[in-house]
């Protein structure tokens, strides 16, 4: 009797892919799907990357100066 294999897989685009070990290549398998949980969407926190620039210059003049360098 071959060993029983258990895998936890995460579907991608509603498809599940399984790799069968070579030594079990000649067997027929029965697949039973048991949902173990729902993956919650990740809410990213960018507060450590966001900030505010304090600048007292003229933004349009600076843009023109940088553009004229090209």
N, C-alpha and C. Protein backbone atom coordinates (compact mmCIF):
# COMPACT_ATOMS: atom_id res chain seq x y z
N UNK A 1 0.85 -1.18 0.00
CA UNK A 1 0.00 0.00 0.00
C UNK A 1 0.90 1.25 0.00
N UNK A 2 0.68 2.17 -0.94
CA UNK A 2 1.51 3.38 -1.01
C UNK A 2 1.18 4.33 0.14
N UNK A 3 2.10 5.24 0.47
CA UNK A 3 1.83 6.19 1.55
C UNK A 3 0.75 7.19 1.16
N UNK A 4 0.08 7.73 2.16
CA UNK A 4 -0.93 8.77 1.94
C UNK A 4 -0.19 10.11 1.95
N UNK A 5 -0.45 10.92 0.96
CA UNK A 5 0.19 12.23 0.86
C UNK A 5 -0.80 13.32 1.24
N UNK A 6 -0.32 14.28 1.98
CA UNK A 6 -1.16 15.43 2.34
C UNK A 6 -0.41 16.69 1.95
N UNK A 7 -1.08 17.57 1.24
CA UNK A 7 -0.50 18.83 0.81
C UNK A 7 -1.48 19.96 1.09
N UNK A 8 -0.94 21.12 1.44
CA UNK A 8 -1.75 22.33 1.52
C UNK A 8 -1.36 23.18 0.33
N UNK A 9 -2.32 23.51 -0.50
CA UNK A 9 -2.04 24.27 -1.72
C UNK A 9 -2.89 25.53 -1.74
N UNK A 10 -2.39 26.53 -2.43
CA UNK A 10 -3.10 27.80 -2.60
C UNK A 10 -3.46 27.93 -4.08
N UNK A 11 -4.76 27.93 -4.41
CA UNK A 11 -5.16 28.03 -5.82
C UNK A 11 -4.70 29.36 -6.43
N UNK A 12 -4.34 29.30 -7.69
CA UNK A 12 -4.02 30.50 -8.45
C UNK A 12 -4.91 30.50 -9.66
N UNK A 13 -5.67 31.56 -9.83
CA UNK A 13 -6.63 31.69 -10.94
C UNK A 13 -7.59 30.49 -10.96
N UNK A 14 -8.06 30.09 -9.77
CA UNK A 14 -9.01 28.99 -9.61
C UNK A 14 -8.47 27.66 -10.12
N UNK A 15 -7.16 27.47 -10.07
CA UNK A 15 -6.55 26.21 -10.48
C UNK A 15 -5.58 25.75 -9.39
N UNK A 16 -5.53 24.43 -9.22
CA UNK A 16 -4.63 23.81 -8.25
C UNK A 16 -3.68 22.89 -9.01
N UNK A 17 -2.40 23.03 -8.74
CA UNK A 17 -1.40 22.19 -9.38
C UNK A 17 -0.74 21.31 -8.33
N UNK A 18 -0.58 20.03 -8.64
CA UNK A 18 0.04 19.07 -7.73
C UNK A 18 1.20 18.39 -8.43
N UNK A 19 2.31 18.27 -7.72
CA UNK A 19 3.44 17.49 -8.22
C UNK A 19 3.41 16.13 -7.55
N UNK A 20 3.41 15.08 -8.36
CA UNK A 20 3.36 13.71 -7.86
C UNK A 20 4.79 13.17 -7.82
N UNK A 21 5.24 12.63 -6.69
CA UNK A 21 6.58 12.04 -6.64
C UNK A 21 6.73 10.94 -7.69
N UNK A 22 7.92 10.83 -8.26
CA UNK A 22 8.16 9.87 -9.34
C UNK A 22 7.85 8.44 -8.93
N UNK A 23 8.13 8.08 -7.68
CA UNK A 23 7.89 6.70 -7.26
C UNK A 23 6.41 6.35 -7.19
N UNK A 24 5.53 7.34 -7.26
CA UNK A 24 4.09 7.09 -7.25
C UNK A 24 3.46 7.34 -8.62
N UNK A 25 4.28 7.43 -9.64
CA UNK A 25 3.80 7.78 -10.97
C UNK A 25 2.82 6.79 -11.58
N UNK A 26 2.84 5.53 -11.18
CA UNK A 26 1.97 4.54 -11.80
C UNK A 26 0.63 4.37 -11.11
N UNK A 27 0.39 5.11 -10.07
CA UNK A 27 -0.85 4.95 -9.30
C UNK A 27 -1.96 5.86 -9.81
N UNK A 28 -3.20 5.48 -9.50
CA UNK A 28 -4.36 6.34 -9.70
C UNK A 28 -4.68 6.97 -8.36
N UNK A 29 -5.08 8.23 -8.37
CA UNK A 29 -5.30 8.96 -7.12
C UNK A 29 -6.74 9.39 -6.97
N UNK A 30 -7.19 9.48 -5.75
CA UNK A 30 -8.47 10.09 -5.41
C UNK A 30 -8.12 11.39 -4.68
N UNK A 31 -8.65 12.48 -5.17
CA UNK A 31 -8.35 13.79 -4.59
C UNK A 31 -9.58 14.27 -3.84
N UNK A 32 -9.39 14.62 -2.58
CA UNK A 32 -10.45 15.16 -1.74
C UNK A 32 -10.03 16.57 -1.35
N UNK A 33 -10.89 17.55 -1.66
CA UNK A 33 -10.54 18.94 -1.34
C UNK A 33 -11.29 19.36 -0.08
N UNK A 34 -10.53 19.81 0.92
CA UNK A 34 -11.10 20.27 2.18
C UNK A 34 -10.63 21.71 2.40
N UNK A 35 -11.51 22.69 2.29
CA UNK A 35 -11.10 24.07 2.54
C UNK A 35 -10.66 24.24 4.00
N UNK A 36 -9.51 24.84 4.21
CA UNK A 36 -9.01 25.01 5.57
C UNK A 36 -9.05 26.47 6.01
N UNK A 37 -9.42 27.36 5.16
CA UNK A 37 -9.51 28.77 5.54
C UNK A 37 -9.53 29.65 4.31
N UNK A 38 -9.93 30.84 4.54
CA UNK A 38 -10.01 31.81 3.45
C UNK A 38 -8.87 32.79 3.62
N UNK A 39 -8.19 33.07 2.52
CA UNK A 39 -7.08 34.02 2.58
C UNK A 39 -7.64 35.43 2.47
N UNK A 40 -7.39 36.21 3.48
CA UNK A 40 -7.89 37.58 3.51
C UNK A 40 -6.99 38.47 2.65
N UNK A 41 -7.59 39.43 1.97
CA UNK A 41 -6.76 40.35 1.18
C UNK A 41 -5.86 41.16 2.10
N UNK A 42 -4.65 41.42 1.63
CA UNK A 42 -3.68 42.15 2.44
C UNK A 42 -3.91 43.64 2.30
N UNK A 43 -4.01 44.32 3.42
CA UNK A 43 -4.10 45.77 3.43
C UNK A 43 -2.71 46.30 3.77
N UNK A 44 -2.06 46.89 2.78
CA UNK A 44 -0.71 47.36 2.99
C UNK A 44 -0.71 48.68 3.73
N UNK A 45 0.25 48.84 4.60
CA UNK A 45 0.39 50.06 5.39
C UNK A 45 1.63 50.80 4.89
N UNK A 46 1.41 51.92 4.21
CA UNK A 46 2.52 52.69 3.65
C UNK A 46 2.86 53.91 4.50
N UNK A 47 2.37 53.98 5.71
CA UNK A 47 2.60 55.17 6.52
C UNK A 47 4.07 55.40 6.81
N UNK A 48 4.87 54.34 6.88
CA UNK A 48 6.29 54.54 7.13
C UNK A 48 7.04 55.03 5.89
N UNK A 49 6.40 54.97 4.72
CA UNK A 49 7.03 55.42 3.49
C UNK A 49 6.52 56.79 3.04
N UNK A 50 5.37 57.17 3.52
CA UNK A 50 4.75 58.42 3.09
C UNK A 50 5.20 59.56 3.98
N UNK A 51 5.19 60.73 3.42
CA UNK A 51 5.56 61.90 4.20
C UNK A 51 5.10 63.16 3.49
N UNK A 52 5.58 64.26 3.97
CA UNK A 52 5.21 65.55 3.40
C UNK A 52 6.48 66.35 3.16
N UNK A 53 6.57 66.91 1.99
CA UNK A 53 7.74 67.71 1.64
C UNK A 53 7.46 69.16 1.98
N UNK A 54 8.34 69.74 2.75
CA UNK A 54 8.23 71.17 3.09
C UNK A 54 9.24 71.92 2.23
N UNK A 55 8.73 72.73 1.30
CA UNK A 55 9.60 73.44 0.37
C UNK A 55 9.01 74.81 0.10
N UNK A 56 9.83 75.79 0.16
CA UNK A 56 9.31 77.15 -0.01
C UNK A 56 9.66 77.73 -1.39
N UNK A 57 10.19 76.92 -2.29
CA UNK A 57 10.55 77.41 -3.63
C UNK A 57 9.35 77.49 -4.55
N UNK A 58 9.61 77.95 -5.78
CA UNK A 58 8.58 78.05 -6.81
C UNK A 58 8.61 76.76 -7.63
N UNK A 59 7.57 75.95 -7.54
CA UNK A 59 7.54 74.64 -8.18
C UNK A 59 7.61 74.75 -9.70
N UNK A 60 6.89 75.69 -10.29
CA UNK A 60 6.87 75.83 -11.74
C UNK A 60 8.25 76.27 -12.25
N UNK A 61 8.87 77.19 -11.56
CA UNK A 61 10.20 77.65 -11.97
C UNK A 61 11.21 76.50 -11.87
N UNK A 62 11.10 75.71 -10.84
CA UNK A 62 12.02 74.58 -10.68
C UNK A 62 11.80 73.54 -11.78
N UNK A 63 10.55 73.27 -12.14
CA UNK A 63 10.26 72.35 -13.24
C UNK A 63 10.86 72.85 -14.54
N UNK A 64 10.70 74.12 -14.80
CA UNK A 64 11.25 74.70 -16.04
C UNK A 64 12.77 74.62 -16.05
N UNK A 65 13.40 74.88 -14.91
CA UNK A 65 14.84 74.82 -14.82
C UNK A 65 15.33 73.39 -15.11
N UNK A 66 14.66 72.39 -14.51
CA UNK A 66 15.06 71.00 -14.73
C UNK A 66 14.82 70.58 -16.18
N UNK A 67 13.72 71.01 -16.76
CA UNK A 67 13.39 70.66 -18.15
C UNK A 67 14.41 71.28 -19.09
N UNK A 68 14.85 72.50 -18.81
CA UNK A 68 15.80 73.18 -19.70
C UNK A 68 17.18 72.53 -19.64
N UNK A 69 17.47 71.75 -18.60
CA UNK A 69 18.75 71.07 -18.53
C UNK A 69 18.88 70.00 -19.61
N UNK A 70 17.75 69.51 -20.10
CA UNK A 70 17.77 68.45 -21.11
C UNK A 70 18.11 69.05 -22.42
